[in-house]
Amino acid sequence: MKRIHGIRFAPAITTALLLASCAGPGPTSFEQGAAELTLPSTSYDTFVKAEPKLKGLRAGDAITLKSLGLQFFEFSMRLTGETKHYAVGDGWIPSMSGGGAYNLGRAFGLEGNTIYGRHVFGYVWGNVNLYPKYELRTKAAIVSDTEYQEMKRQGRDQGIDHVSFGTGDKVYYFKDNNVTIDAIRSLPFQGPPEMANEKLTVIKDVAPKLADIFYKTTFMDVEAQLKRMHAGTDWWDMVHQLHGLFITHNFGQNYGLYMKGNTNYHTEKRWQLATERGIYEVWPFGYVEGDKEVLKLSVIFRNGKLERIVPYEPEASLAPRLREQP
């Protein structure tokens, strides 16, 4: 057994399937092995079975990865000696939930002495479309650098973990052994098994075609939509209003998000910055003209909520101003 971040991993029962020299059928890479492991846990039927438990959770409940029902696996490649670890849980989306590294989940917010995270539950349909259905928002107390060093000196740092949000950013220590639920939210995304035929037709009409999302005319429509959004709009709600598509090729181990007018996969991707006011996440919007990318807007979220929309500014100049903002 190996322990990582305080988690005990099960024996490497799947190792034999991942051997590079394996002649029979089975996964031939970490990614393929992880996808096959995650496939049953992200099916629609599995999510439906897990949903009653999610509905029974309440704000203030203490949670751990174990209480969420996660299982942990260690994969090894004999020829290279490389080892990776994966977490699996019924309806649990790894890439949206921090991959199983923390009880907190994927950290996304800071406020005072509290750090916020999330676990996301949903399902994959048609092997490629990812539908997040519930956000389990979590919180934990931040430990100051001085307090952490003293705890470490005294050997009392068990259960203390850390995270940072960008290259060169400050490291934040927090009590991952004392995580509670801050809020539970049902998300507005619906997939085919939840819809009547007439509703499916409407969804197909408004869903972005990947070839169209970078057109200038598409951006002009999106620009008007964005400017109508009020400060405080949740990130999930922006994605839903812009008919965003979550696409995965490995059953939620990774995903891509495609939204009209969002140029996240071109010159500048979305970026994060941690400050005393919280965690900023900035999304570039614009269009592609010929082989040139034209960036027009920076959509700025703080702690998962829309703060403001400004004319596009590159990270190199916008990040210092956000960091210095009182």
C-alpha atoms as a PDB file:
ATOM      1  CA  MET A   1       0.000   0.000   0.000  1.00  0.00           C
ATOM      2  CA  LYS A   2       1.159   3.525  -0.716  1.00  0.00           C
ATOM      3  CA  ARG A   3      -0.054   6.676   0.987  1.00  0.00           C
ATOM      4  CA  ILE A   4      -0.317   9.968  -0.894  1.00  0.00           C
ATOM      5  CA  HIS A   5      -1.925  13.089   0.587  1.00  0.00           C
ATOM      6  CA  GLY A   6      -3.051  10.927   3.500  1.00  0.00           C
ATOM      7  CA  ILE A   7      -4.851   8.453   1.191  1.00  0.00           C
ATOM      8  CA  ARG A   8      -4.185   4.728   1.215  1.00  0.00           C
ATOM      9  CA  PHE A   9      -4.053   3.329  -2.308  1.00  0.00           C
ATOM     10  CA  ALA A  10      -5.226  -0.155  -3.129  1.00  0.00           C
ATOM     11  CA  PRO A  11      -2.675  -2.669  -4.493  1.00  0.00           C
ATOM     12  CA  ALA A  12      -1.843  -2.257  -8.141  1.00  0.00           C
ATOM     13  CA  ILE A  13      -4.344  -4.882  -9.274  1.00  0.00           C
ATOM     14  CA  THR A  14      -4.545  -3.367 -12.734  1.00  0.00           C
ATOM     15  CA  THR A  15      -0.805  -3.201 -13.323  1.00  0.00           C
ATOM     16  CA  ALA A  16      -0.727  -6.303 -15.518  1.00  0.00           C
ATOM     17  CA  LEU A  17      -3.117  -4.690 -17.979  1.00  0.00           C
ATOM     18  CA  LEU A  18      -0.807  -1.722 -18.436  1.00  0.00           C
ATOM     19  CA  LEU A  19       2.424  -3.515 -19.269  1.00  0.00           C
ATOM     20  CA  ALA A  20       3.939  -2.107 -22.416  1.00  0.00           C
ATOM     21  CA  SER A  21       4.945  -5.639 -23.394  1.00  0.00           C
ATOM     22  CA  CYS A  22       1.435  -7.028 -22.988  1.00  0.00           C
ATOM     23  CA  ALA A  23       0.461  -9.016 -26.073  1.00  0.00           C
ATOM     24  CA  GLY A  24      -3.234  -9.461 -25.314  1.00  0.00           C
ATOM     25  CA  PRO A  25      -6.059  -6.915 -25.360  1.00  0.00           C
ATOM     26  CA  GLY A  26      -6.239  -4.225 -22.688  1.00  0.00           C
ATOM     27  CA  PRO A  27      -5.036  -0.674 -22.056  1.00  0.00           C
ATOM     28  CA  THR A  28      -1.612   0.181 -23.454  1.00  0.00           C
ATOM     29  CA  SER A  29      -1.132   3.566 -21.758  1.00  0.00           C
ATOM     30  CA  PHE A  30      -1.945   5.355 -18.516  1.00  0.00           C
ATOM     31  CA  GLU A  31      -4.608   7.410 -20.272  1.00  0.00           C
ATOM     32  CA  GLN A  32      -6.346   4.379 -21.768  1.00  0.00           C
ATOM     33  CA  GLY A  33      -6.173   2.517 -18.461  1.00  0.00           C
ATOM     34  CA  ALA A  34      -7.636   5.468 -16.568  1.00  0.00           C
ATOM     35  CA  ALA A  35     -10.421   5.861 -19.139  1.00  0.00           C
ATOM     36  CA  GLU A  36     -11.404   2.191 -18.854  1.00  0.00           C
ATOM     37  CA  LEU A  37     -11.363   2.481 -15.077  1.00  0.00           C
ATOM     38  CA  THR A  38     -13.569   5.592 -15.111  1.00  0.00           C
ATOM     39  CA  LEU A  39     -16.020   4.469 -17.808  1.00  0.00           C
ATOM     40  CA  PRO A  40     -18.511   2.587 -15.551  1.00  0.00           C
ATOM     41  CA  SER A  41     -18.478   5.285 -12.849  1.00  0.00           C
ATOM     42  CA  THR A  42     -19.465   8.069 -15.253  1.00  0.00           C
ATOM     43  CA  SER A  43     -22.359   6.329 -16.992  1.00  0.00           C
ATOM     44  CA  TYR A  44     -25.836   7.844 -16.764  1.00  0.00           C
ATOM     45  CA  ASP A  45     -27.182   4.809 -14.864  1.00  0.00           C
ATOM     46  CA  THR A  46     -24.404   5.083 -12.280  1.00  0.00           C
ATOM     47  CA  PHE A  47     -25.092   8.790 -11.785  1.00  0.00           C
ATOM     48  CA  VAL A  48     -28.817   8.108 -11.262  1.00  0.00           C
ATOM     49  CA  LYS A  49     -27.955   5.580  -8.548  1.00  0.00           C
ATOM     50  CA  ALA A  50     -25.595   8.062  -6.852  1.00  0.00           C
ATOM     51  CA  GLU A  51     -28.019  11.015  -7.004  1.00  0.00           C
ATOM     52  CA  PRO A  52     -30.086  10.175  -3.859  1.00  0.00           C
ATOM     53  CA  LYS A  53     -26.928  10.254  -1.733  1.00  0.00           C
ATOM     54  CA  LEU A  54     -25.998  13.667  -3.153  1.00  0.00           C
ATOM     55  CA  LYS A  55     -29.471  14.997  -2.410  1.00  0.00           C
ATOM     56  CA  GLY A  56     -29.098  13.817   1.171  1.00  0.00           C
ATOM     57  CA  LEU A  57     -25.994  15.922   1.849  1.00  0.00           C
ATOM     58  CA  ARG A  58     -26.357  19.205   3.715  1.00  0.00           C
ATOM     59  CA  ALA A  59     -24.313  22.373   4.171  1.00  0.00           C
ATOM     60  CA  GLY A  60     -22.132  21.992   7.247  1.00  0.00           C
ATOM     61  CA  ASP A  61     -21.632  18.231   6.841  1.00  0.00           C
ATOM     62  CA  ALA A  62     -18.039  17.078   7.221  1.00  0.00           C
ATOM     63  CA  ILE A  63     -16.765  15.211   4.169  1.00  0.00           C
ATOM     64  CA  THR A  64     -13.729  13.264   3.040  1.00  0.00           C
ATOM     65  CA  LEU A  65     -12.870  11.530  -0.196  1.00  0.00           C
ATOM     66  CA  LYS A  66     -13.722   8.269   1.548  1.00  0.00           C
ATOM     67  CA  SER A  67     -17.147   9.501   2.660  1.00  0.00           C
ATOM     68  CA  LEU A  68     -17.858  10.459  -0.957  1.00  0.00           C
ATOM     69  CA  GLY A  69     -17.245   6.823  -1.870  1.00  0.00           C
ATOM     70  CA  LEU A  70     -14.056   7.304  -3.865  1.00  0.00           C
ATOM     71  CA  GLN A  71     -11.743   4.399  -4.576  1.00  0.00           C
ATOM     72  CA  PHE A  72      -8.065   4.787  -5.428  1.00  0.00           C
ATOM     73  CA  PHE A  73      -5.897   2.820  -7.835  1.00  0.00           C
ATOM     74  CA  GLU A  74      -2.200   2.744  -8.620  1.00  0.00           C
ATOM     75  CA  PHE A  75      -1.094   2.006 -12.180  1.00  0.00           C
ATOM     76  CA  SER A  76       2.487   1.074 -12.993  1.00  0.00           C
ATOM     77  CA  MET A  77       4.381   0.537 -16.240  1.00  0.00           C
ATOM     78  CA  ARG A  78       6.978  -2.198 -15.844  1.00  0.00           C
ATOM     79  CA  LEU A  79       9.289  -1.067 -18.638  1.00  0.00           C
ATOM     80  CA  THR A  80       9.575   2.547 -17.487  1.00  0.00           C
ATOM     81  CA  GLY A  81       8.958   2.159 -13.762  1.00  0.00           C
ATOM     82  CA  GLU A  82       6.509   5.082 -13.987  1.00  0.00           C
ATOM     83  CA  THR A  83       3.548   5.071 -11.591  1.00  0.00           C
ATOM     84  CA  LYS A  84       0.357   7.122 -11.578  1.00  0.00           C
ATOM     85  CA  HIS A  85      -2.648   7.243  -9.277  1.00  0.00           C
ATOM     86  CA  TYR A  86      -6.304   7.617 -10.148  1.00  0.00           C
ATOM     87  CA  ALA A  87      -9.484   8.146  -8.146  1.00  0.00           C
ATOM     88  CA  VAL A  88     -12.901   6.806  -9.138  1.00  0.00           C
ATOM     89  CA  GLY A  89     -16.340   7.420  -7.624  1.00  0.00           C
ATOM     90  CA  ASP A  90     -19.937   6.925  -8.728  1.00  0.00           C
ATOM     91  CA  GLY A  91     -20.921   9.958 -10.806  1.00  0.00           C
ATOM     92  CA  TRP A  92     -17.783  11.816  -9.692  1.00  0.00           C
ATOM     93  CA  ILE A  93     -16.002  13.803 -12.457  1.00  0.00           C
ATOM     94  CA  PRO A  94     -12.226  13.624 -11.734  1.00  0.00           C
ATOM     95  CA  SER A  95     -11.032  16.563 -13.842  1.00  0.00           C
ATOM     96  CA  MET A  96     -13.604  18.953 -12.361  1.00  0.00           C
ATOM     97  CA  SER A  97     -12.992  17.777  -8.797  1.00  0.00           C
ATOM     98  CA  GLY A  98      -9.229  17.989  -8.349  1.00  0.00           C
ATOM     99  CA  GLY A  99      -8.469  14.420  -9.396  1.00  0.00           C
ATOM    100  CA  GLY A 100      -8.762  13.016  -5.866  1.00  0.00           C
ATOM    101  CA  ALA A 101      -5.763  14.872  -4.452  1.00  0.00           C
ATOM    102  CA  TYR A 102      -7.691  16.687  -1.697  1.00  0.00           C
ATOM    103  CA  ASN A 103     -10.794  16.226   0.442  1.00  0.00           C
ATOM    104  CA  LEU A 104     -11.416  19.868  -0.516  1.00  0.00           C
ATOM    105  CA  GLY A 105     -11.727  18.940  -4.199  1.00  0.00           C
ATOM    106  CA  ARG A 106     -10.622  21.442  -6.839  1.00  0.00           C
ATOM    107  CA  ALA A 107      -9.790  24.730  -5.095  1.00  0.00           C
ATOM    108  CA  PHE A 108     -11.364  27.775  -6.740  1.00  0.00           C
ATOM    109  CA  GLY A 109     -11.902  30.481  -4.092  1.00  0.00           C
ATOM    110  CA  LEU A 110     -10.284  32.383  -1.226  1.00  0.00           C
ATOM    111  CA  GLU A 111     -12.019  34.657   1.255  1.00  0.00           C
ATOM    112  CA  GLY A 112     -10.452  35.779   4.518  1.00  0.00           C
ATOM    113  CA  ASN A 113      -9.071  32.696   6.266  1.00  0.00           C
ATOM    114  CA  THR A 114     -11.160  30.250   4.217  1.00  0.00           C
ATOM    115  CA  ILE A 115     -10.372  28.346   1.039  1.00  0.00           C
ATOM    116  CA  TYR A 116     -13.174  26.991  -1.149  1.00  0.00           C
ATOM    117  CA  GLY A 117     -13.218  23.934  -3.390  1.00  0.00           C
ATOM    118  CA  ARG A 118     -15.632  21.831  -5.386  1.00  0.00           C
ATOM    119  CA  HIS A 119     -16.517  18.261  -6.255  1.00  0.00           C
ATOM    120  CA  VAL A 120     -18.589  17.832  -9.413  1.00  0.00           C
ATOM    121  CA  PHE A 121     -20.917  14.925 -10.160  1.00  0.00           C
ATOM    122  CA  GLY A 122     -22.525  14.068 -13.467  1.00  0.00           C
ATOM    123  CA  TYR A 123     -22.245  11.657 -16.369  1.00  0.00           C
ATOM    124  CA  VAL A 124     -20.782  11.059 -19.830  1.00  0.00           C
ATOM    125  CA  TRP A 125     -23.103  10.348 -22.752  1.00  0.00           C
ATOM    126  CA  GLY A 126     -22.100   8.935 -26.119  1.00  0.00           C
ATOM    127  CA  ASN A 127     -18.518   8.470 -24.904  1.00  0.00           C
ATOM    128  CA  VAL A 128     -17.734  12.143 -25.509  1.00  0.00           C
ATOM    129  CA  ASN A 129     -20.343  14.569 -24.077  1.00  0.00           C
ATOM    130  CA  LEU A 130     -19.873  15.428 -20.399  1.00  0.00           C
ATOM    131  CA  TYR A 131     -22.841  16.695 -18.372  1.00  0.00           C
ATOM    132  CA  PRO A 132     -22.050  18.110 -14.910  1.00  0.00           C
ATOM    133  CA  LYS A 133     -25.176  17.850 -12.729  1.00  0.00           C
ATOM    134  CA  TYR A 134     -24.196  18.758  -9.148  1.00  0.00           C
ATOM    135  CA  GLU A 135     -21.593  21.012  -7.613  1.00  0.00           C
ATOM    136  CA  LEU A 136     -20.630  20.100  -4.061  1.00  0.00           C
ATOM    137  CA  ARG A 137     -18.952  23.276  -2.804  1.00  0.00           C
ATOM    138  CA  THR A 138     -16.535  22.766   0.093  1.00  0.00           C
ATOM    139  CA  LYS A 139     -14.518  24.902   2.489  1.00  0.00           C
ATOM    140  CA  ALA A 140     -11.586  24.575   4.886  1.00  0.00           C
ATOM    141  CA  ALA A 141      -9.558  26.848   7.157  1.00  0.00           C
ATOM    142  CA  ILE A 142      -6.342  28.349   5.810  1.00  0.00           C
ATOM    143  CA  VAL A 143      -3.189  27.893   7.878  1.00  0.00           C
ATOM    144  CA  SER A 144      -0.684  30.765   7.792  1.00  0.00           C
ATOM    145  CA  ASP A 145       2.877  30.091   6.668  1.00  0.00           C
ATOM    146  CA  THR A 146       4.148  30.805  10.186  1.00  0.00           C
ATOM    147  CA  GLU A 147       1.589  28.505  11.807  1.00  0.00           C
ATOM    148  CA  TYR A 148       2.350  25.735   9.315  1.00  0.00           C
ATOM    149  CA  GLN A 149       6.101  25.902   9.920  1.00  0.00           C
ATOM    150  CA  GLU A 150       5.507  25.693  13.683  1.00  0.00           C
ATOM    151  CA  MET A 151       3.125  22.742  13.253  1.00  0.00           C
ATOM    152  CA  LYS A 152       5.678  21.033  11.031  1.00  0.00           C
ATOM    153  CA  ARG A 153       8.427  21.624  13.602  1.00  0.00           C
ATOM    154  CA  GLN A 154       6.260  20.015  16.281  1.00  0.00           C
ATOM    155  CA  GLY A 155       5.222  17.121  14.032  1.00  0.00           C
ATOM    156  CA  ARG A 156       1.570  18.249  14.037  1.00  0.00           C
ATOM    157  CA  ASP A 157       1.231  18.902  10.301  1.00  0.00           C
ATOM    158  CA  GLN A 158      -0.675  15.710   9.446  1.00  0.00           C
ATOM    159  CA  GLY A 159      -3.761  16.577   7.440  1.00  0.00           C
ATOM    160  CA  ILE A 160      -2.377  19.942   6.340  1.00  0.00           C
ATOM    161  CA  ASP A 161      -2.143  20.243   2.568  1.00  0.00           C
ATOM    162  CA  HIS A 162      -1.257  23.016   0.159  1.00  0.00           C
ATOM    163  CA  VAL A 163      -2.159  24.434  -3.235  1.00  0.00           C
ATOM    164  CA  SER A 164      -1.086  27.272  -5.535  1.00  0.00           C
ATOM    165  CA  PHE A 165      -2.920  28.769  -8.498  1.00  0.00           C
ATOM    166  CA  GLY A 166      -0.298  29.888 -10.986  1.00  0.00           C
ATOM    167  CA  THR A 167       3.412  29.953 -11.755  1.00  0.00           C
ATOM    168  CA  GLY A 168       5.211  31.766  -8.960  1.00  0.00           C
ATOM    169  CA  ASP A 169       2.015  32.218  -6.949  1.00  0.00           C
ATOM    170  CA  LYS A 170       1.942  31.991  -3.177  1.00  0.00           C
ATOM    171  CA  VAL A 171       1.429  28.548  -1.648  1.00  0.00           C
ATOM    172  CA  TYR A 172      -1.680  28.296   0.529  1.00  0.00           C
ATOM    173  CA  TYR A 173      -1.749  25.760   3.364  1.00  0.00           C
ATOM    174  CA  PHE A 174      -5.123  24.520   4.576  1.00  0.00           C
ATOM    175  CA  LYS A 175      -6.699  21.938   6.907  1.00  0.00           C
ATOM    176  CA  ASP A 176      -7.643  19.194   4.459  1.00  0.00           C
ATOM    177  CA  ASN A 177      -8.488  16.974   7.441  1.00  0.00           C
ATOM    178  CA  ASN A 178     -11.359  19.290   8.418  1.00  0.00           C
ATOM    179  CA  VAL A 179     -13.383  19.973   5.264  1.00  0.00           C
ATOM    180  CA  THR A 180     -17.095  20.778   5.372  1.00  0.00           C
ATOM    181  CA  ILE A 181     -19.789  21.337   2.757  1.00  0.00           C
ATOM    182  CA  ASP A 182     -20.417  25.006   2.056  1.00  0.00           C
ATOM    183  CA  ALA A 183     -23.273  24.528  -0.429  1.00  0.00           C
ATOM    184  CA  ILE A 184     -24.774  22.001  -2.821  1.00  0.00           C
ATOM    185  CA  ARG A 185     -26.062  23.135  -6.178  1.00  0.00           C
ATOM    186  CA  SER A 186     -27.955  21.382  -8.945  1.00  0.00           C
ATOM    187  CA  LEU A 187     -26.432  22.453 -12.273  1.00  0.00           C
ATOM    188  CA  PRO A 188     -28.553  23.405 -15.311  1.00  0.00           C
ATOM    189  CA  PHE A 189     -26.981  21.103 -17.913  1.00  0.00           C
ATOM    190  CA  GLN A 190     -29.146  18.361 -19.411  1.00  0.00           C
ATOM    191  CA  GLY A 191     -28.191  15.472 -21.652  1.00  0.00           C
ATOM    192  CA  PRO A 192     -30.254  13.318 -24.039  1.00  0.00           C
ATOM    193  CA  PRO A 193     -31.488  10.757 -21.465  1.00  0.00           C
ATOM    194  CA  GLU A 194     -33.173  13.558 -19.493  1.00  0.00           C
ATOM    195  CA  MET A 195     -35.002  15.134 -22.423  1.00  0.00           C
ATOM    196  CA  ALA A 196     -38.131  14.569 -24.454  1.00  0.00           C
ATOM    197  CA  ASN A 197     -37.670  14.396 -28.233  1.00  0.00           C
ATOM    198  CA  GLU A 198     -39.050  17.895 -28.847  1.00  0.00           C
ATOM    199  CA  LYS A 199     -36.622  19.409 -26.333  1.00  0.00           C
ATOM    200  CA  LEU A 200     -33.701  17.521 -27.882  1.00  0.00           C
ATOM    201  CA  THR A 201     -34.441  19.178 -31.233  1.00  0.00           C
ATOM    202  CA  VAL A 202     -34.239  22.635 -29.646  1.00  0.00           C
ATOM    203  CA  ILE A 203     -30.965  21.813 -27.877  1.00  0.00           C
ATOM    204  CA  LYS A 204     -29.424  20.590 -31.134  1.00  0.00           C
ATOM    205  CA  ASP A 205     -30.392  23.860 -32.809  1.00  0.00           C
ATOM    206  CA  VAL A 206     -28.700  26.112 -30.232  1.00  0.00           C
ATOM    207  CA  ALA A 207     -25.660  24.002 -29.353  1.00  0.00           C
ATOM    208  CA  PRO A 208     -22.496  25.491 -30.891  1.00  0.00           C
ATOM    209  CA  LYS A 209     -21.027  23.731 -33.881  1.00  0.00           C
ATOM    210  CA  LEU A 210     -17.305  23.536 -33.219  1.00  0.00           C
ATOM    211  CA  ALA A 211     -16.503  24.939 -36.648  1.00  0.00           C
ATOM    212  CA  ASP A 212     -18.645  28.041 -35.986  1.00  0.00           C
ATOM    213  CA  ILE A 213     -17.657  29.150 -32.490  1.00  0.00           C
ATOM    214  CA  PHE A 214     -14.728  31.311 -33.643  1.00  0.00           C
ATOM    215  CA  TYR A 215     -16.609  33.318 -36.335  1.00  0.00           C
ATOM    216  CA  LYS A 216     -16.786  37.097 -35.974  1.00  0.00           C
ATOM    217  CA  THR A 217     -20.582  37.048 -36.339  1.00  0.00           C
ATOM    218  CA  THR A 218     -20.751  34.471 -33.541  1.00  0.00           C
ATOM    219  CA  PHE A 219     -18.665  36.683 -31.272  1.00  0.00           C
ATOM    220  CA  MET A 220     -20.886  39.705 -31.955  1.00  0.00           C
ATOM    221  CA  ASP A 221     -23.916  37.766 -30.714  1.00  0.00           C
ATOM    222  CA  VAL A 222     -21.991  36.534 -27.679  1.00  0.00           C
ATOM    223  CA  GLU A 223     -20.680  40.014 -26.869  1.00  0.00           C
ATOM    224  CA  ALA A 224     -24.242  41.274 -26.502  1.00  0.00           C
ATOM    225  CA  GLN A 225     -25.110  38.312 -24.255  1.00  0.00           C
ATOM    226  CA  LEU A 226     -22.070  38.832 -22.046  1.00  0.00           C
ATOM    227  CA  LYS A 227     -22.764  42.525 -21.583  1.00  0.00           C
ATOM    228  CA  ARG A 228     -26.268  41.696 -20.349  1.00  0.00           C
ATOM    229  CA  MET A 229     -24.892  39.455 -17.600  1.00  0.00           C
ATOM    230  CA  HIS A 230     -24.826  41.044 -14.169  1.00  0.00           C
ATOM    231  CA  ALA A 231     -21.933  41.023 -11.713  1.00  0.00           C
ATOM    232  CA  GLY A 232     -22.209  37.976  -9.468  1.00  0.00           C
ATOM    233  CA  THR A 233     -23.315  35.616 -12.247  1.00  0.00           C
ATOM    234  CA  ASP A 234     -21.966  32.160 -11.433  1.00  0.00           C
ATOM    235  CA  TRP A 235     -19.406  30.682 -13.838  1.00  0.00           C
ATOM    236  CA  TRP A 236     -21.656  27.656 -14.440  1.00  0.00           C
ATOM    237  CA  ASP A 237     -24.512  29.971 -15.431  1.00  0.00           C
ATOM    238  CA  MET A 238     -22.347  31.817 -17.955  1.00  0.00           C
ATOM    239  CA  VAL A 239     -21.374  28.525 -19.582  1.00  0.00           C
ATOM    240  CA  HIS A 240     -25.014  27.444 -19.688  1.00  0.00           C
ATOM    241  CA  GLN A 241     -26.242  30.733 -21.163  1.00  0.00           C
ATOM    242  CA  LEU A 242     -23.595  30.506 -23.896  1.00  0.00           C
ATOM    243  CA  HIS A 243     -24.590  26.886 -24.593  1.00  0.00           C
ATOM    244  CA  GLY A 244     -21.140  25.618 -23.671  1.00  0.00           C
ATOM    245  CA  LEU A 245     -20.191  22.034 -24.510  1.00  0.00           C
ATOM    246  CA  PHE A 246     -18.059  19.904 -22.208  1.00  0.00           C
ATOM    247  CA  ILE A 247     -16.175  17.346 -24.305  1.00  0.00           C
ATOM    248  CA  THR A 248     -14.143  14.434 -22.948  1.00  0.00           C
ATOM    249  CA  HIS A 249     -12.236  11.658 -24.673  1.00  0.00           C
ATOM    250  CA  ASN A 250     -11.490   9.656 -21.529  1.00  0.00           C
ATOM    251  CA  PHE A 251     -14.700   9.696 -19.470  1.00  0.00           C
ATOM    252  CA  GLY A 252     -13.979  12.777 -17.405  1.00  0.00           C
ATOM    253  CA  GLN A 253     -10.298  12.281 -16.609  1.00  0.00           C
ATOM    254  CA  ASN A 254      -9.805  15.388 -18.794  1.00  0.00           C
ATOM    255  CA  TYR A 255     -12.237  17.632 -20.631  1.00  0.00           C
ATOM    256  CA  GLY A 256     -12.416  20.543 -23.030  1.00  0.00           C
ATOM    257  CA  LEU A 257     -14.957  23.364 -22.839  1.00  0.00           C
ATOM    258  CA  TYR A 258     -16.244  24.877 -26.079  1.00  0.00           C
ATOM    259  CA  MET A 259     -18.277  28.115 -25.940  1.00  0.00           C
ATOM    260  CA  LYS A 260     -19.281  30.543 -28.645  1.00  0.00           C
ATOM    261  CA  GLY A 261     -16.728  33.342 -28.871  1.00  0.00           C
ATOM    262  CA  ASN A 262     -14.357  31.814 -26.335  1.00  0.00           C
ATOM    263  CA  THR A 263     -10.830  31.580 -27.745  1.00  0.00           C
ATOM    264  CA  ASN A 264      -9.534  29.406 -24.906  1.00  0.00           C
ATOM    265  CA  TYR A 265      -7.741  27.054 -27.301  1.00  0.00           C
ATOM    266  CA  HIS A 266      -5.783  29.619 -29.299  1.00  0.00           C
ATOM    267  CA  THR A 267      -3.082  32.189 -28.450  1.00  0.00           C
ATOM    268  CA  GLU A 268      -4.149  32.906 -24.882  1.00  0.00           C
ATOM    269  CA  LYS A 269      -5.944  30.385 -22.696  1.00  0.00           C
ATOM    270  CA  ARG A 270      -7.910  31.190 -19.564  1.00  0.00           C
ATOM    271  CA  TRP A 271      -5.632  31.903 -16.617  1.00  0.00           C
ATOM    272  CA  GLN A 272      -5.802  32.080 -12.814  1.00  0.00           C
ATOM    273  CA  LEU A 273      -4.354  34.415 -10.215  1.00  0.00           C
ATOM    274  CA  ALA A 274      -4.577  34.241  -6.415  1.00  0.00           C
ATOM    275  CA  THR A 275      -4.731  37.560  -4.536  1.00  0.00           C
ATOM    276  CA  GLU A 276      -5.799  38.813  -1.118  1.00  0.00           C
ATOM    277  CA  ARG A 277      -9.250  39.500  -2.622  1.00  0.00           C
ATOM    278  CA  GLY A 278      -9.706  35.969  -3.899  1.00  0.00           C
ATOM    279  CA  ILE A 279      -8.906  33.763  -6.874  1.00  0.00           C
ATOM    280  CA  TYR A 280      -9.303  35.401 -10.272  1.00  0.00           C
ATOM    281  CA  GLU A 281     -10.021  33.373 -13.392  1.00  0.00           C
ATOM    282  CA  VAL A 282      -9.897  35.270 -16.674  1.00  0.00           C
ATOM    283  CA  TRP A 283     -11.424  34.012 -19.923  1.00  0.00           C
ATOM    284  CA  PRO A 284     -10.524  35.580 -23.307  1.00  0.00           C
ATOM    285  CA  PHE A 285     -13.283  36.122 -25.869  1.00  0.00           C
ATOM    286  CA  GLY A 286     -12.992  37.120 -29.498  1.00  0.00           C
ATOM    287  CA  TYR A 287     -12.889  35.551 -32.943  1.00  0.00           C
ATOM    288  CA  VAL A 288     -10.584  34.174 -35.616  1.00  0.00           C
ATOM    289  CA  GLU A 289     -10.226  36.002 -38.931  1.00  0.00           C
ATOM    290  CA  GLY A 290      -8.293  34.053 -41.516  1.00  0.00           C
ATOM    291  CA  ASP A 291      -5.272  32.783 -39.609  1.00  0.00           C
ATOM    292  CA  LYS A 292      -5.329  35.687 -37.138  1.00  0.00           C
ATOM    293  CA  GLU A 293      -6.863  35.654 -33.690  1.00  0.00           C
ATOM    294  CA  VAL A 294      -8.642  38.852 -32.669  1.00  0.00           C
ATOM    295  CA  LEU A 295      -9.155  39.056 -28.904  1.00  0.00           C
ATOM    296  CA  LYS A 296     -11.787  41.587 -27.809  1.00  0.00           C
ATOM    297  CA  LEU A 297     -12.865  40.916 -24.209  1.00  0.00           C
ATOM    298  CA  SER A 298     -11.430  39.683 -20.927  1.00  0.00           C
ATOM    299  CA  VAL A 299     -14.205  38.123 -18.833  1.00  0.00           C
ATOM    300  CA  ILE A 300     -13.076  38.263 -15.195  1.00  0.00           C
ATOM    301  CA  PHE A 301     -14.369  35.939 -12.495  1.00  0.00           C
ATOM    302  CA  ARG A 302     -13.465  36.129  -8.816  1.00  0.00           C
ATOM    303  CA  ASN A 303     -14.141  33.120  -6.582  1.00  0.00           C
ATOM    304  CA  GLY A 304     -16.333  31.620  -9.288  1.00  0.00           C
ATOM    305  CA  LYS A 305     -18.537  34.719  -9.745  1.00  0.00           C
ATOM    306  CA  LEU A 306     -18.475  37.242 -12.595  1.00  0.00           C
ATOM    307  CA  GLU A 307     -16.774  40.434 -11.399  1.00  0.00           C
ATOM    308  CA  ARG A 308     -16.590  42.447 -14.607  1.00  0.00           C
ATOM    309  CA  ILE A 309     -16.000  42.380 -18.355  1.00  0.00           C
ATOM    310  CA  VAL A 310     -13.314  44.653 -19.803  1.00  0.00           C
ATOM    311  CA  PRO A 311     -11.689  45.219 -23.200  1.00  0.00           C
ATOM    312  CA  TYR A 312      -9.163  42.464 -23.798  1.00  0.00           C
ATOM    313  CA  GLU A 313      -5.857  42.836 -22.031  1.00  0.00           C
ATOM    314  CA  PRO A 314      -3.073  40.205 -22.012  1.00  0.00           C
ATOM    315  CA  GLU A 315      -2.229  38.407 -18.796  1.00  0.00           C
ATOM    316  CA  ALA A 316       1.179  40.105 -18.607  1.00  0.00           C
ATOM    317  CA  SER A 317      -0.419  43.525 -18.053  1.00  0.00           C
ATOM    318  CA  LEU A 318      -3.790  42.627 -16.494  1.00  0.00           C
ATOM    319  CA  ALA A 319      -2.479  40.260 -13.788  1.00  0.00           C
ATOM    320  CA  PRO A 320      -0.316  42.897 -11.998  1.00  0.00           C
ATOM    321  CA  ARG A 321      -3.275  45.298 -11.867  1.00  0.00           C
ATOM    322  CA  LEU A 322      -5.563  42.633 -10.435  1.00  0.00           C
ATOM    323  CA  ARG A 323      -2.913  41.732  -7.868  1.00  0.00           C
ATOM    324  CA  GLU A 324      -2.563  45.347  -6.731  1.00  0.00           C
ATOM    325  CA  GLN A 325      -6.292  46.067  -6.635  1.00  0.00           C
ATOM    326  CA  PRO A 326      -7.403  46.927  -3.073  1.00  0.00           C
END
